Amino acid sequence: MTKVTLLRHGQTDYNAKGLLQGRIDNPLNDTGLLQAQRAADTIGPVDQIISSPLQRAIQTAKAFDADTQIDENWIELDYGEWDGVALKSIKEETWQEWKADPSFKPPKGESLEELGKRVRLSLKNIEKSTDQHLLIVTHVSPIKAALAWALDVNDSISWRTRLDTASFTQINLDSDTPVLTKFNHTAENRN
């Protein structure tokens, strides 16, 4: 069985301020560095790490003792012109349009549907027949896309879920059907 642990990176200053971060390559702040270490202590040993190319994910991955492979498929959703914009400044009508249509794109950005396709492609390439613990260090939107894949539901499920910084989600791959075993776990909510 392959156990896939999807870990959201630790906190950045943009996360703390409620700003859309997208492809902006921000580092972890002090809280995020501590969260990364706590996540590593909670998750334990892993056999392999795949990481988004953004430094906040790479810094989180460094808390673990395993080789890290960079995979562009795990980069955050491209918010386009909304990168760096406060969540609260996006008009309610725009949020409603985005929530209703997985093909909606922020100006010069990427849709949830496009994100879902690249995440599913990466998940299909994971070897299912080996006994390994694979850690994927990534971002909120790719994890939600992986959740949609595991549950065999539409990408719009992302609007009905919440993922904290440095939280992890686990999916077991031991047959043709992925099995969700943990969701939004952090060092603080181990139960």
Foldseek 3Di string as FASTA:
>chain_A
DEKEKEWEFFAFVCVVQQAAAAQPQTAHDPRRLVQLLLLCVLVDAFAEEEEAPRRSLVSSVVSYDYDYHYDPLQGGWFLDVRHGPHPVVDDPVVVVVLLVDQQDHHVVTGGLVVSLVSLVVVVVPDDQPDYTYYYYYHHLSSVLSVVCVLVVHDSSCSVVDDADHRFMWMWHRNDPHIDTDDDNHGSVRSD
